[in-house]
Amino acid sequence: MPRVDRDPGVLDGRTTKMVQFVEATEIIFALADDDDLRDVVVTLAVHAGIAASDVICLRRLGCYWQSGNHHDAIEHLRRADAESAGHLSTLLSLKTRAGYGHSTMSTSNVTRSVRAMQHLAAAARRA
């Protein structure tokens, strides 16, 4: 599991990614009608939440981990911000269905993902 240590370039890069994904999520969410683009909204929210989680960990712990293992990411974030770990867990639980599933995400899952993303982005800005 590669450790990525905080330096100005890494922190700025992950923060920029977070802002880009948050903005894209909010734009697409505003444009989405009924079934249109639900999966896209959730997928973007997941990526925004992951980037926000990395920012939180960089600022509070000095590093984040790129393991590819969702459980590891949640546990690492829990050490930096326990409440945010629950929101990351919500997003990661929806990732595969949104990105690779055959059925459209429900309205409630879209709403859950956007709320989780918003919490993580706000926590990253405060960290």
N, C-alpha and C. Protein backbone atom coordinates (compact mmCIF):
# COMPACT_ATOMS: atom_id res chain seq x y z
N MET A 1 0.85 -1.16 0.00
CA MET A 1 0.00 0.00 0.00
C MET A 1 0.91 1.24 0.00
N PRO A 2 1.00 1.96 -1.13
CA PRO A 2 1.89 3.11 -1.18
C PRO A 2 1.39 4.29 -0.34
N ARG A 3 2.29 4.81 0.44
CA ARG A 3 2.00 5.98 1.26
C ARG A 3 2.35 7.22 0.44
N VAL A 4 1.45 8.20 0.45
CA VAL A 4 1.71 9.47 -0.23
C VAL A 4 1.81 10.54 0.85
N ASP A 5 3.00 11.07 1.02
CA ASP A 5 3.25 12.07 2.06
C ASP A 5 2.84 13.46 1.59
N ARG A 6 2.51 14.28 2.58
CA ARG A 6 2.10 15.65 2.29
C ARG A 6 3.30 16.47 1.84
N ASP A 7 3.11 17.13 0.73
CA ASP A 7 3.98 18.21 0.30
C ASP A 7 3.07 19.19 -0.44
N PRO A 8 3.52 20.40 -0.68
CA PRO A 8 2.62 21.39 -1.29
C PRO A 8 2.00 20.94 -2.61
N GLY A 9 2.77 20.28 -3.44
CA GLY A 9 2.25 19.82 -4.73
C GLY A 9 1.16 18.78 -4.59
N VAL A 10 1.36 17.83 -3.69
CA VAL A 10 0.37 16.78 -3.47
C VAL A 10 -0.90 17.37 -2.88
N LEU A 11 -0.76 18.20 -1.86
CA LEU A 11 -1.93 18.80 -1.22
C LEU A 11 -2.70 19.68 -2.21
N ASP A 12 -1.99 20.51 -2.96
CA ASP A 12 -2.66 21.36 -3.95
C ASP A 12 -3.34 20.51 -5.03
N GLY A 13 -2.67 19.47 -5.48
CA GLY A 13 -3.24 18.62 -6.52
C GLY A 13 -4.50 17.90 -6.08
N ARG A 14 -4.48 17.34 -4.88
CA ARG A 14 -5.68 16.62 -4.40
C ARG A 14 -6.81 17.61 -4.09
N THR A 15 -6.46 18.81 -3.61
CA THR A 15 -7.48 19.82 -3.36
C THR A 15 -8.12 20.28 -4.67
N THR A 16 -7.31 20.48 -5.69
CA THR A 16 -7.83 20.87 -7.00
C THR A 16 -8.76 19.79 -7.55
N LYS A 17 -8.36 18.53 -7.44
CA LYS A 17 -9.23 17.43 -7.91
C LYS A 17 -10.55 17.44 -7.15
N MET A 18 -10.49 17.63 -5.84
CA MET A 18 -11.71 17.67 -5.04
C MET A 18 -12.64 18.76 -5.55
N VAL A 19 -12.11 19.96 -5.72
CA VAL A 19 -12.94 21.09 -6.17
C VAL A 19 -13.53 20.80 -7.55
N GLN A 20 -12.74 20.26 -8.46
CA GLN A 20 -13.23 19.95 -9.80
C GLN A 20 -14.37 18.93 -9.75
N PHE A 21 -14.18 17.87 -9.00
CA PHE A 21 -15.22 16.84 -8.92
C PHE A 21 -16.47 17.35 -8.21
N VAL A 22 -16.30 18.13 -7.16
CA VAL A 22 -17.47 18.70 -6.47
C VAL A 22 -18.26 19.58 -7.43
N GLU A 23 -17.57 20.48 -8.12
CA GLU A 23 -18.25 21.37 -9.05
C GLU A 23 -18.95 20.60 -10.16
N ALA A 24 -18.28 19.60 -10.71
CA ALA A 24 -18.88 18.80 -11.78
C ALA A 24 -20.11 18.04 -11.26
N THR A 25 -20.01 17.50 -10.06
CA THR A 25 -21.15 16.78 -9.46
C THR A 25 -22.33 17.72 -9.32
N GLU A 26 -22.09 18.90 -8.79
CA GLU A 26 -23.19 19.84 -8.56
C GLU A 26 -23.82 20.31 -9.87
N ILE A 27 -23.02 20.51 -10.91
CA ILE A 27 -23.55 20.92 -12.22
C ILE A 27 -24.41 19.81 -12.81
N ILE A 28 -23.89 18.59 -12.83
CA ILE A 28 -24.63 17.47 -13.41
C ILE A 28 -25.88 17.17 -12.58
N PHE A 29 -25.77 17.25 -11.26
CA PHE A 29 -26.92 17.02 -10.38
C PHE A 29 -28.04 18.01 -10.69
N ALA A 30 -27.68 19.26 -10.93
CA ALA A 30 -28.68 20.28 -11.25
C ALA A 30 -29.33 20.02 -12.61
N LEU A 31 -28.62 19.40 -13.53
CA LEU A 31 -29.14 19.14 -14.87
C LEU A 31 -29.90 17.82 -14.99
N ALA A 32 -29.67 16.91 -14.06
CA ALA A 32 -30.23 15.56 -14.16
C ALA A 32 -31.74 15.57 -13.98
N ASP A 33 -32.44 14.93 -14.90
CA ASP A 33 -33.89 14.75 -14.82
C ASP A 33 -34.18 13.28 -14.59
N ASP A 34 -35.05 13.01 -13.64
CA ASP A 34 -35.51 11.66 -13.39
C ASP A 34 -34.37 10.64 -13.44
N ASP A 35 -34.33 9.78 -14.47
CA ASP A 35 -33.31 8.74 -14.57
C ASP A 35 -32.02 9.22 -15.22
N ASP A 36 -32.08 10.38 -15.88
CA ASP A 36 -30.91 10.86 -16.61
C ASP A 36 -29.76 11.20 -15.68
N LEU A 37 -28.64 10.64 -15.97
CA LEU A 37 -27.37 11.01 -15.34
C LEU A 37 -27.24 10.66 -13.86
N ARG A 38 -28.12 9.88 -13.30
CA ARG A 38 -28.00 9.53 -11.88
C ARG A 38 -26.68 8.83 -11.58
N ASP A 39 -26.34 7.85 -12.43
CA ASP A 39 -25.10 7.11 -12.19
C ASP A 39 -23.88 8.02 -12.29
N VAL A 40 -23.93 8.97 -13.21
CA VAL A 40 -22.83 9.92 -13.37
C VAL A 40 -22.69 10.78 -12.12
N VAL A 41 -23.80 11.26 -11.59
CA VAL A 41 -23.76 12.08 -10.37
C VAL A 41 -23.11 11.29 -9.24
N VAL A 42 -23.53 10.05 -9.04
CA VAL A 42 -22.96 9.25 -7.95
C VAL A 42 -21.47 8.99 -8.19
N THR A 43 -21.10 8.66 -9.40
CA THR A 43 -19.69 8.38 -9.70
C THR A 43 -18.82 9.61 -9.45
N LEU A 44 -19.29 10.77 -9.88
CA LEU A 44 -18.54 12.00 -9.62
C LEU A 44 -18.48 12.31 -8.13
N ALA A 45 -19.58 12.09 -7.42
CA ALA A 45 -19.60 12.32 -5.97
C ALA A 45 -18.60 11.41 -5.26
N VAL A 46 -18.50 10.17 -5.72
CA VAL A 46 -17.53 9.23 -5.14
C VAL A 46 -16.11 9.76 -5.32
N HIS A 47 -15.78 10.19 -6.54
CA HIS A 47 -14.43 10.70 -6.79
C HIS A 47 -14.15 11.98 -6.01
N ALA A 48 -15.16 12.84 -5.88
CA ALA A 48 -15.00 14.05 -5.07
C ALA A 48 -14.75 13.68 -3.61
N GLY A 49 -15.51 12.70 -3.11
CA GLY A 49 -15.36 12.27 -1.72
C GLY A 49 -14.01 11.63 -1.44
N ILE A 50 -13.52 10.87 -2.40
CA ILE A 50 -12.19 10.26 -2.24
C ILE A 50 -11.13 11.35 -2.18
N ALA A 51 -11.20 12.30 -3.10
CA ALA A 51 -10.22 13.40 -3.09
C ALA A 51 -10.31 14.20 -1.79
N ALA A 52 -11.54 14.48 -1.33
CA ALA A 52 -11.72 15.21 -0.07
C ALA A 52 -11.13 14.42 1.10
N SER A 53 -11.33 13.12 1.10
CA SER A 53 -10.77 12.28 2.16
C SER A 53 -9.25 12.34 2.16
N ASP A 54 -8.67 12.33 0.96
CA ASP A 54 -7.21 12.44 0.87
C ASP A 54 -6.74 13.77 1.44
N VAL A 55 -7.47 14.85 1.15
CA VAL A 55 -7.10 16.17 1.67
C VAL A 55 -7.18 16.18 3.20
N ILE A 56 -8.24 15.61 3.75
CA ILE A 56 -8.38 15.54 5.21
C ILE A 56 -7.19 14.79 5.81
N CYS A 57 -6.87 13.66 5.24
CA CYS A 57 -5.76 12.85 5.77
C CYS A 57 -4.41 13.57 5.60
N LEU A 58 -4.21 14.21 4.46
CA LEU A 58 -2.97 14.95 4.26
C LEU A 58 -2.81 16.05 5.31
N ARG A 59 -3.89 16.78 5.55
CA ARG A 59 -3.80 17.90 6.49
C ARG A 59 -3.70 17.46 7.94
N ARG A 60 -4.38 16.39 8.30
CA ARG A 60 -4.42 15.99 9.71
C ARG A 60 -3.40 14.91 10.07
N LEU A 61 -3.06 14.06 9.11
CA LEU A 61 -2.15 12.95 9.41
C LEU A 61 -0.81 13.07 8.68
N GLY A 62 -0.75 13.96 7.70
CA GLY A 62 0.49 14.15 6.96
C GLY A 62 0.68 13.21 5.78
N CYS A 63 -0.30 12.33 5.54
CA CYS A 63 -0.20 11.40 4.42
C CYS A 63 -1.56 10.79 4.12
N TYR A 64 -1.67 10.20 2.95
CA TYR A 64 -2.81 9.33 2.66
C TYR A 64 -2.27 8.08 1.99
N TRP A 65 -3.08 7.05 1.89
CA TRP A 65 -2.67 5.77 1.34
C TRP A 65 -3.42 5.48 0.05
N GLN A 66 -2.71 4.95 -0.93
CA GLN A 66 -3.31 4.51 -2.19
C GLN A 66 -3.26 2.99 -2.22
N SER A 67 -4.20 2.36 -1.57
CA SER A 67 -4.15 0.91 -1.48
C SER A 67 -5.09 0.22 -2.44
N GLY A 68 -6.14 0.90 -2.88
CA GLY A 68 -7.15 0.23 -3.69
C GLY A 68 -8.13 -0.56 -2.84
N ASN A 69 -7.89 -0.62 -1.54
CA ASN A 69 -8.76 -1.34 -0.63
C ASN A 69 -9.64 -0.34 0.10
N HIS A 70 -10.94 -0.43 -0.14
CA HIS A 70 -11.87 0.53 0.44
C HIS A 70 -11.84 0.52 1.97
N HIS A 71 -11.75 -0.66 2.56
CA HIS A 71 -11.73 -0.75 4.02
C HIS A 71 -10.51 0.00 4.59
N ASP A 72 -9.35 -0.16 3.95
CA ASP A 72 -8.15 0.54 4.41
C ASP A 72 -8.32 2.05 4.33
N ALA A 73 -8.93 2.53 3.25
CA ALA A 73 -9.14 3.97 3.08
C ALA A 73 -10.06 4.51 4.17
N ILE A 74 -11.11 3.78 4.47
CA ILE A 74 -12.06 4.21 5.50
C ILE A 74 -11.37 4.24 6.86
N GLU A 75 -10.60 3.21 7.18
CA GLU A 75 -9.92 3.15 8.47
C GLU A 75 -8.86 4.24 8.61
N HIS A 76 -8.15 4.53 7.54
CA HIS A 76 -7.15 5.60 7.59
C HIS A 76 -7.84 6.95 7.84
N LEU A 77 -8.96 7.20 7.14
CA LEU A 77 -9.70 8.44 7.35
C LEU A 77 -10.27 8.50 8.77
N ARG A 78 -10.70 7.37 9.30
CA ARG A 78 -11.25 7.34 10.65
C ARG A 78 -10.25 7.90 11.67
N ARG A 79 -8.95 7.65 11.45
CA ARG A 79 -7.92 8.18 12.35
C ARG A 79 -7.83 9.71 12.27
N ALA A 80 -8.20 10.27 11.12
CA ALA A 80 -8.14 11.72 10.94
C ALA A 80 -9.45 12.39 11.33
N ASP A 81 -10.59 11.72 11.04
CA ASP A 81 -11.91 12.33 11.25
C ASP A 81 -12.95 11.21 11.24
N ALA A 82 -13.32 10.77 12.42
CA ALA A 82 -14.23 9.61 12.54
C ALA A 82 -15.57 9.84 11.85
N GLU A 83 -16.12 11.02 11.98
CA GLU A 83 -17.43 11.28 11.36
C GLU A 83 -17.33 11.21 9.83
N SER A 84 -16.26 11.73 9.27
CA SER A 84 -16.09 11.70 7.82
C SER A 84 -15.93 10.28 7.29
N ALA A 85 -15.38 9.40 8.09
CA ALA A 85 -15.20 8.01 7.64
C ALA A 85 -16.53 7.37 7.28
N GLY A 86 -17.58 7.68 8.02
CA GLY A 86 -18.90 7.14 7.70
C GLY A 86 -19.41 7.63 6.36
N HIS A 87 -19.11 8.88 6.03
CA HIS A 87 -19.54 9.43 4.75
C HIS A 87 -18.75 8.81 3.60
N LEU A 88 -17.46 8.58 3.80
CA LEU A 88 -16.68 7.90 2.78
C LEU A 88 -17.20 6.47 2.57
N SER A 89 -17.55 5.82 3.67
CA SER A 89 -18.11 4.47 3.58
C SER A 89 -19.38 4.46 2.73
N THR A 90 -20.24 5.45 2.93
CA THR A 90 -21.46 5.56 2.13
C THR A 90 -21.12 5.66 0.65
N LEU A 91 -20.19 6.53 0.32
CA LEU A 91 -19.83 6.71 -1.08
C LEU A 91 -19.22 5.45 -1.69
N LEU A 92 -18.30 4.85 -0.96
CA LEU A 92 -17.64 3.67 -1.51
C LEU A 92 -18.58 2.49 -1.65
N SER A 93 -19.63 2.45 -0.83
CA SER A 93 -20.61 1.37 -0.96
C SER A 93 -21.44 1.51 -2.24
N LEU A 94 -21.48 2.69 -2.82
CA LEU A 94 -22.25 2.95 -4.04
C LEU A 94 -21.39 2.93 -5.31
N LYS A 95 -20.09 2.95 -5.14
CA LYS A 95 -19.16 3.12 -6.27
C LYS A 95 -19.33 2.06 -7.35
N THR A 96 -19.31 0.82 -7.00
CA THR A 96 -19.38 -0.24 -8.01
C THR A 96 -20.71 -0.26 -8.73
N ARG A 97 -21.81 -0.12 -7.98
CA ARG A 97 -23.14 -0.12 -8.62
C ARG A 97 -23.28 1.05 -9.59
N ALA A 98 -22.79 2.22 -9.21
CA ALA A 98 -22.94 3.40 -10.07
C ALA A 98 -22.07 3.29 -11.31
N GLY A 99 -20.85 2.84 -11.13
CA GLY A 99 -19.90 2.81 -12.25
C GLY A 99 -19.97 1.58 -13.13
N TYR A 100 -20.41 0.45 -12.58
CA TYR A 100 -20.34 -0.80 -13.32
C TYR A 100 -21.63 -1.58 -13.35
N GLY A 101 -22.62 -1.14 -12.58
CA GLY A 101 -23.88 -1.88 -12.51
C GLY A 101 -24.73 -1.70 -13.76
N HIS A 102 -25.75 -2.52 -13.87
CA HIS A 102 -26.62 -2.48 -15.04
C HIS A 102 -27.92 -1.70 -14.78
N SER A 103 -28.22 -1.40 -13.55
CA SER A 103 -29.45 -0.66 -13.26
C SER A 103 -29.11 0.75 -12.77
N THR A 104 -30.03 1.67 -12.99
CA THR A 104 -29.84 3.06 -12.62
C THR A 104 -29.95 3.23 -11.11
N MET A 105 -29.12 4.10 -10.57
CA MET A 105 -29.15 4.38 -9.14
C MET A 105 -30.50 5.01 -8.77
N SER A 106 -30.96 4.72 -7.57
CA SER A 106 -32.22 5.30 -7.09
C SER A 106 -32.01 6.77 -6.73
N THR A 107 -33.10 7.50 -6.70
CA THR A 107 -33.05 8.90 -6.31
C THR A 107 -32.49 9.04 -4.90
N SER A 108 -32.87 8.15 -4.00
CA SER A 108 -32.37 8.24 -2.62
C SER A 108 -30.86 8.02 -2.56
N ASN A 109 -30.32 7.12 -3.38
CA ASN A 109 -28.88 6.91 -3.40
C ASN A 109 -28.14 8.10 -3.99
N VAL A 110 -28.75 8.74 -4.97
CA VAL A 110 -28.14 9.96 -5.52
C VAL A 110 -28.08 11.03 -4.43
N THR A 111 -29.17 11.22 -3.73
CA THR A 111 -29.22 12.21 -2.65
C THR A 111 -28.22 11.88 -1.56
N ARG A 112 -28.14 10.61 -1.17
CA ARG A 112 -27.17 10.19 -0.14
C ARG A 112 -25.75 10.49 -0.58
N SER A 113 -25.46 10.21 -1.84
CA SER A 113 -24.09 10.40 -2.33
C SER A 113 -23.72 11.88 -2.36
N VAL A 114 -24.64 12.72 -2.79
CA VAL A 114 -24.36 14.16 -2.85
C VAL A 114 -24.17 14.71 -1.43
N ARG A 115 -25.00 14.29 -0.50
CA ARG A 115 -24.85 14.75 0.89
C ARG A 115 -23.52 14.30 1.49
N ALA A 116 -23.15 13.05 1.24
CA ALA A 116 -21.88 12.53 1.76
C ALA A 116 -20.71 13.30 1.16
N MET A 117 -20.78 13.56 -0.14
CA MET A 117 -19.73 14.33 -0.81
C MET A 117 -19.63 15.73 -0.21
N GLN A 118 -20.76 16.37 -0.01
CA GLN A 118 -20.77 17.73 0.54
C GLN A 118 -20.16 17.76 1.94
N HIS A 119 -20.48 16.76 2.76
CA HIS A 119 -19.89 16.69 4.10
C HIS A 119 -18.37 16.57 4.00
N LEU A 120 -17.91 15.65 3.16
CA LEU A 120 -16.46 15.42 3.05
C LEU A 120 -15.74 16.66 2.52
N ALA A 121 -16.34 17.32 1.55
CA ALA A 121 -15.71 18.53 1.00
C ALA A 121 -15.64 19.63 2.07
N ALA A 122 -16.70 19.79 2.83
CA ALA A 122 -16.70 20.80 3.90
C ALA A 122 -15.66 20.45 4.97
N ALA A 123 -15.57 19.18 5.32
CA ALA A 123 -14.58 18.75 6.31
C ALA A 123 -13.16 18.98 5.80
N ALA A 124 -12.95 18.75 4.51
CA ALA A 124 -11.61 18.98 3.93
C ALA A 124 -11.25 20.46 3.96
N ARG A 125 -12.22 21.30 3.72
CA ARG A 125 -11.96 22.75 3.75
C ARG A 125 -11.64 23.23 5.17
N ARG A 126 -12.23 22.56 6.17
CA ARG A 126 -11.99 22.94 7.57
C ARG A 126 -10.70 22.33 8.14
N ALA A 127 -10.27 21.25 7.55
CA ALA A 127 -9.12 20.48 8.12
C ALA A 127 -7.84 21.30 8.17
